[in-house]
C-alpha atoms as a PDB file:
ATOM      1  CA  MET A   1     123.614 100.893  89.775  1.00  0.00           C
ATOM      2  CA  PRO A   2     125.753  97.379  90.787  1.00  0.00           C
ATOM      3  CA  ILE A   3     126.206  94.725  87.898  1.00  0.00           C
ATOM      4  CA  ALA A   4     124.655  92.652  89.753  1.00  0.00           C
ATOM      5  CA  GLU A   5     121.396  94.817  89.206  1.00  0.00           C
ATOM      6  CA  ILE A   6     121.808  95.758  85.942  1.00  0.00           C
ATOM      7  CA  ALA A   7     121.359  91.970  85.121  1.00  0.00           C
ATOM      8  CA  VAL A   8     118.839  91.020  87.454  1.00  0.00           C
ATOM      9  CA  TRP A   9     116.523  93.562  85.740  1.00  0.00           C
ATOM     10  CA  SER A  10     118.146  93.007  82.204  1.00  0.00           C
ATOM     11  CA  ALA A  11     116.829  89.334  82.937  1.00  0.00           C
ATOM     12  CA  MET A  12     113.241  91.147  83.501  1.00  0.00           C
ATOM     13  CA  LEU A  13     113.477  93.141  80.727  1.00  0.00           C
ATOM     14  CA  GLY A  14     114.063  89.481  78.119  1.00  0.00           C
ATOM     15  CA  GLY A  15     111.676  88.123  80.154  1.00  0.00           C
ATOM     16  CA  LEU A  16     108.728  90.903  79.254  1.00  0.00           C
ATOM     17  CA  CYS A  17     110.192  90.929  75.564  1.00  0.00           C
ATOM     18  CA  THR A  18     109.744  87.323  75.117  1.00  0.00           C
ATOM     19  CA  LEU A  19     105.659  87.800  76.154  1.00  0.00           C
ATOM     20  CA  ALA A  20     105.754  90.640  74.312  1.00  0.00           C
ATOM     21  CA  ALA A  21     107.002  88.734  70.848  1.00  0.00           C
ATOM     22  CA  LEU A  22     104.740  85.920  72.256  1.00  0.00           C
ATOM     23  CA  ALA A  23     101.291  88.408  72.065  1.00  0.00           C
ATOM     24  CA  LEU A  24     102.406  90.374  69.129  1.00  0.00           C
ATOM     25  CA  ALA A  25     102.868  87.021  66.752  1.00  0.00           C
ATOM     26  CA  ASP A  26      99.030  85.669  68.251  1.00  0.00           C
ATOM     27  CA  LEU A  27      98.242  89.373  66.928  1.00  0.00           C
ATOM     28  CA  PHE A  28      99.049  88.601  63.946  1.00  0.00           C
ATOM     29  CA  GLN A  29      97.869  84.987  63.501  1.00  0.00           C
ATOM     30  CA  GLY A  30      94.622  85.456  65.484  1.00  0.00           C
ATOM     31  CA  HIS A  31      94.160  89.191  64.599  1.00  0.00           C
ATOM     32  CA  SER A  32      91.393  88.786  67.849  1.00  0.00           C
ATOM     33  CA  ILE A  33      90.683  91.674  70.125  1.00  0.00           C
ATOM     34  CA  GLY A  34      91.779  89.486  72.973  1.00  0.00           C
ATOM     35  CA  SER A  35      95.428  89.178  71.149  1.00  0.00           C
ATOM     36  CA  LEU A  36      95.359  93.115  71.343  1.00  0.00           C
ATOM     37  CA  ARG A  37      94.395  93.049  74.739  1.00  0.00           C
ATOM     38  CA  ASN A  38      97.213  90.792  75.861  1.00  0.00           C
ATOM     39  CA  LEU A  39      99.454  92.913  73.702  1.00  0.00           C
ATOM     40  CA  LEU A  40      98.850  95.823  75.125  1.00  0.00           C
ATOM     41  CA  PHE A  41      98.803  94.630  78.826  1.00  0.00           C
ATOM     42  CA  VAL A  42     102.082  93.269  78.301  1.00  0.00           C
ATOM     43  CA  SER A  43     103.635  96.141  76.597  1.00  0.00           C
ATOM     44  CA  ILE A  44     101.922  99.295  79.390  1.00  0.00           C
ATOM     45  CA  THR A  45     102.581  96.653  82.309  1.00  0.00           C
ATOM     46  CA  GLY A  46     106.003  95.739  81.015  1.00  0.00           C
ATOM     47  CA  ALA A  47     107.159  99.202  79.998  1.00  0.00           C
ATOM     48  CA  SER A  48     105.710 100.683  83.504  1.00  0.00           C
ATOM     49  CA  CYS A  49     107.939  98.511  85.160  1.00  0.00           C
ATOM     50  CA  VAL A  50     111.611  98.534  83.553  1.00  0.00           C
ATOM     51  CA  VAL A  51     110.838 102.749  83.363  1.00  0.00           C
ATOM     52  CA  MET A  52     110.240 102.644  87.605  1.00  0.00           C
ATOM     53  CA  THR A  53     113.794 100.160  87.507  1.00  0.00           C
ATOM     54  CA  GLY A  54     115.884 102.977  86.393  1.00  0.00           C
ATOM     55  CA  LEU A  55     117.460 100.736  83.010  1.00  0.00           C
ATOM     56  CA  PRO A  56     116.465 103.006  80.623  1.00  0.00           C
ATOM     57  CA  GLU A  57     118.782 105.517  81.942  1.00  0.00           C
ATOM     58  CA  VAL A  58     121.810 103.448  82.414  1.00  0.00           C
ATOM     59  CA  PHE A  59     121.705 102.080  78.964  1.00  0.00           C
ATOM     60  CA  PHE A  60     121.143 105.414  77.591  1.00  0.00           C
ATOM     61  CA  PRO A  61     122.192 108.286  80.168  1.00  0.00           C
ATOM     62  CA  ASP A  62     121.531 110.975  77.820  1.00  0.00           C
ATOM     63  CA  LEU A  63     117.218 110.302  77.995  1.00  0.00           C
ATOM     64  CA  PRO A  64     115.492 113.572  78.421  1.00  0.00           C
ATOM     65  CA  GLU A  65     114.623 113.619  82.383  1.00  0.00           C
ATOM     66  CA  ARG A  66     111.336 115.306  81.961  1.00  0.00           C
ATOM     67  CA  LEU A  67     110.355 112.370  79.835  1.00  0.00           C
ATOM     68  CA  MET A  68     111.732 109.959  82.160  1.00  0.00           C
ATOM     69  CA  MET A  69     109.961 111.682  84.860  1.00  0.00           C
ATOM     70  CA  VAL A  70     106.193 111.789  82.791  1.00  0.00           C
ATOM     71  CA  LEU A  71     106.449 107.855  81.766  1.00  0.00           C
ATOM     72  CA  LYS A  72     107.884 106.890  85.840  1.00  0.00           C
ATOM     73  CA  ALA A  73     104.296 108.988  87.261  1.00  0.00           C
ATOM     74  CA  GLY A  74     101.829 108.037  84.439  1.00  0.00           C
ATOM     75  CA  LEU A  75     102.660 104.490  83.117  1.00  0.00           C
ATOM     76  CA  GLY A  76     101.975 102.616  86.369  1.00  0.00           C
ATOM     77  CA  PRO A  77      98.676 104.197  87.011  1.00  0.00           C
ATOM     78  CA  ALA A  78      97.702 103.638  83.503  1.00  0.00           C
ATOM     79  CA  ALA A  79      99.266  99.595  83.890  1.00  0.00           C
ATOM     80  CA  GLY A  80      96.849  99.510  86.688  1.00  0.00           C
ATOM     81  CA  ALA A  81      93.199 100.834  85.497  1.00  0.00           C
ATOM     82  CA  MET A  82      94.118  98.471  82.586  1.00  0.00           C
ATOM     83  CA  GLY A  83      94.686  95.533  85.348  1.00  0.00           C
ATOM     84  CA  LEU A  84      91.209  96.821  86.192  1.00  0.00           C
ATOM     85  CA  TYR A  85      89.487  96.770  83.107  1.00  0.00           C
ATOM     86  CA  TYR A  86      90.505  93.729  82.458  1.00  0.00           C
ATOM     87  CA  VAL A  87      90.154  92.409  86.013  1.00  0.00           C
ATOM     88  CA  GLY A  88      86.041  93.525  85.630  1.00  0.00           C
ATOM     89  CA  THR A  89      85.981  91.642  81.824  1.00  0.00           C
ATOM     90  CA  TRP A  90      87.334  88.442  83.424  1.00  0.00           C
ATOM     91  CA  LEU A  91      84.871  88.489  86.566  1.00  0.00           C
ATOM     92  CA  GLY A  92      82.351  88.190  83.615  1.00  0.00           C
ATOM     93  CA  GLY A  93      81.448  91.987  83.406  1.00  0.00           C
ATOM     94  CA  ALA A  94      78.376  93.488  84.408  1.00  0.00           C
ATOM     95  CA  ARG A  95      75.775  89.923  83.266  1.00  0.00           C
ATOM     96  CA  GLU A  96      77.762  88.249  86.412  1.00  0.00           C
ATOM     97  CA  ASP A  97      78.751  90.216  89.433  1.00  0.00           C
ATOM     98  CA  GLY A  98      76.988  94.051  88.829  1.00  0.00           C
ATOM     99  CA  ARG A  99      78.793  95.146  91.734  1.00  0.00           C
ATOM    100  CA  VAL A 100      82.228  94.228  91.005  1.00  0.00           C
ATOM    101  CA  HIS A 101      81.831  95.408  87.827  1.00  0.00           C
ATOM    102  CA  ARG A 102      81.443  98.397  88.562  1.00  0.00           C
ATOM    103  CA  LEU A 103      83.957  98.738  91.363  1.00  0.00           C
ATOM    104  CA  THR A 104      86.409  97.707  88.506  1.00  0.00           C
ATOM    105  CA  ALA A 105      85.338 100.557  85.750  1.00  0.00           C
ATOM    106  CA  VAL A 106      84.641 102.978  88.368  1.00  0.00           C
ATOM    107  CA  GLY A 107      88.730 101.910  90.246  1.00  0.00           C
ATOM    108  CA  GLY A 108      89.705 101.953  86.593  1.00  0.00           C
ATOM    109  CA  ALA A 109      88.285 105.431  85.967  1.00  0.00           C
ATOM    110  CA  LEU A 110      89.406 106.725  88.660  1.00  0.00           C
ATOM    111  CA  LEU A 111      93.247 105.754  88.090  1.00  0.00           C
ATOM    112  CA  VAL A 112      93.170 107.392  84.483  1.00  0.00           C
ATOM    113  CA  SER A 113      91.784 110.488  85.864  1.00  0.00           C
ATOM    114  CA  ALA A 114      95.427 109.565  88.280  1.00  0.00           C
ATOM    115  CA  THR A 115      97.137 109.027  85.626  1.00  0.00           C
ATOM    116  CA  VAL A 116      96.500 112.452  83.843  1.00  0.00           C
ATOM    117  CA  ILE A 117      96.653 114.395  86.803  1.00  0.00           C
ATOM    118  CA  LEU A 118      99.823 112.418  87.534  1.00  0.00           C
ATOM    119  CA  VAL A 119     101.219 113.111  84.272  1.00  0.00           C
ATOM    120  CA  VAL A 120     100.143 117.102  84.253  1.00  0.00           C
ATOM    121  CA  LEU A 121     101.814 117.591  88.304  1.00  0.00           C
ATOM    122  CA  ALA A 122     104.897 114.936  86.792  1.00  0.00           C
ATOM    123  CA  SER A 123     105.912 117.877  83.861  1.00  0.00           C
ATOM    124  CA  GLN A 124     105.652 121.085  85.448  1.00  0.00           C
ATOM    125  CA  ILE A 125     107.365 120.035  88.558  1.00  0.00           C
ATOM    126  CA  GLU A 126     110.478 120.306  90.039  1.00  0.00           C
ATOM    127  CA  PRO A 127     112.832 117.713  89.252  1.00  0.00           C
ATOM    128  CA  ASP A 128     114.024 117.553  93.191  1.00  0.00           C
ATOM    129  CA  ASN A 129     110.814 117.704  94.063  1.00  0.00           C
ATOM    130  CA  PHE A 130     109.881 114.196  92.096  1.00  0.00           C
ATOM    131  CA  ARG A 131     110.603 111.453  94.248  1.00  0.00           C
ATOM    132  CA  GLU A 132     108.111 113.248  97.099  1.00  0.00           C
ATOM    133  CA  LEU A 133     105.764 112.941  94.334  1.00  0.00           C
ATOM    134  CA  LEU A 134     105.794 109.259  92.929  1.00  0.00           C
ATOM    135  CA  VAL A 135     105.787 108.328  97.439  1.00  0.00           C
ATOM    136  CA  ALA A 136     102.893 109.824  97.494  1.00  0.00           C
ATOM    137  CA  HIS A 137     101.435 108.251  94.233  1.00  0.00           C
ATOM    138  CA  ARG A 138     102.227 104.766  94.992  1.00  0.00           C
ATOM    139  CA  GLY A 139     100.530 105.465  98.186  1.00  0.00           C
ATOM    140  CA  GLY A 140      97.763 106.237  96.812  1.00  0.00           C
ATOM    141  CA  GLU A 141      97.729 102.930  94.557  1.00  0.00           C
ATOM    142  CA  HIS A 142      98.361 100.840  97.633  1.00  0.00           C
ATOM    143  CA  GLY A 143      95.335 102.383  99.452  1.00  0.00           C
ATOM    144  CA  ALA A 144      93.180 101.533  96.341  1.00  0.00           C
ATOM    145  CA  GLY A 145      93.825  98.308  96.601  1.00  0.00           C
ATOM    146  CA  VAL A 146      93.071  97.632  99.885  1.00  0.00           C
ATOM    147  CA  ALA A 147      89.660  99.363  99.489  1.00  0.00           C
ATOM    148  CA  GLY A 148      89.398  96.667  96.709  1.00  0.00           C
ATOM    149  CA  ALA A 149      90.245  93.709  98.662  1.00  0.00           C
ATOM    150  CA  GLY A 150      88.091  94.634 101.309  1.00  0.00           C
ATOM    151  CA  CYS A 151      85.475  95.366  98.732  1.00  0.00           C
ATOM    152  CA  ARG A 152      85.576  91.941  97.267  1.00  0.00           C
ATOM    153  CA  VAL A 153      85.957  89.865 100.784  1.00  0.00           C
ATOM    154  CA  ALA A 154      83.281  91.624 102.112  1.00  0.00           C
ATOM    155  CA  ARG A 155      80.716  90.718  99.043  1.00  0.00           C
ATOM    156  CA  ARG A 156      77.490  88.066 100.526  1.00  0.00           C
ATOM    157  CA  PRO A 157      77.117  84.812  99.125  1.00  0.00           C
ATOM    158  CA  ALA A 158      74.382  84.986  96.138  1.00  0.00           C
ATOM    159  CA  GLY A 159      71.276  83.146  97.081  1.00  0.00           C
END
């Protein structure tokens, strides 16, 4: 990996660590469920981003290849599932819009299922075929996002 790329990904990691430290301090101060949600969100989405950059392998070249394959396959959809859950909560849940709540709940459940399937596949697949698994996995995530956006845009106004 070129030094400029290492610098960019390291800067991202520094920002994520700062956010995680602030979320952890908020958790220790407030002891609220919202603080815990913030910490989990920053940790899981941040870990997904950092693992996908390849930065851990640059700094720690002796990391087990199988472990990195499982993390790369599983953290992205796990972060997506958490994001959908939080969006559903943020939008008011079932009390505000039942259809959107169901969409975010079902989408989150599907992403959790995808996480489990991808982790199992990544733990069994040959390393030479792992790239194809990631490409197929990313295509599915983008398709789910487009379908979700279409459902939100097509929603009729209340009244």
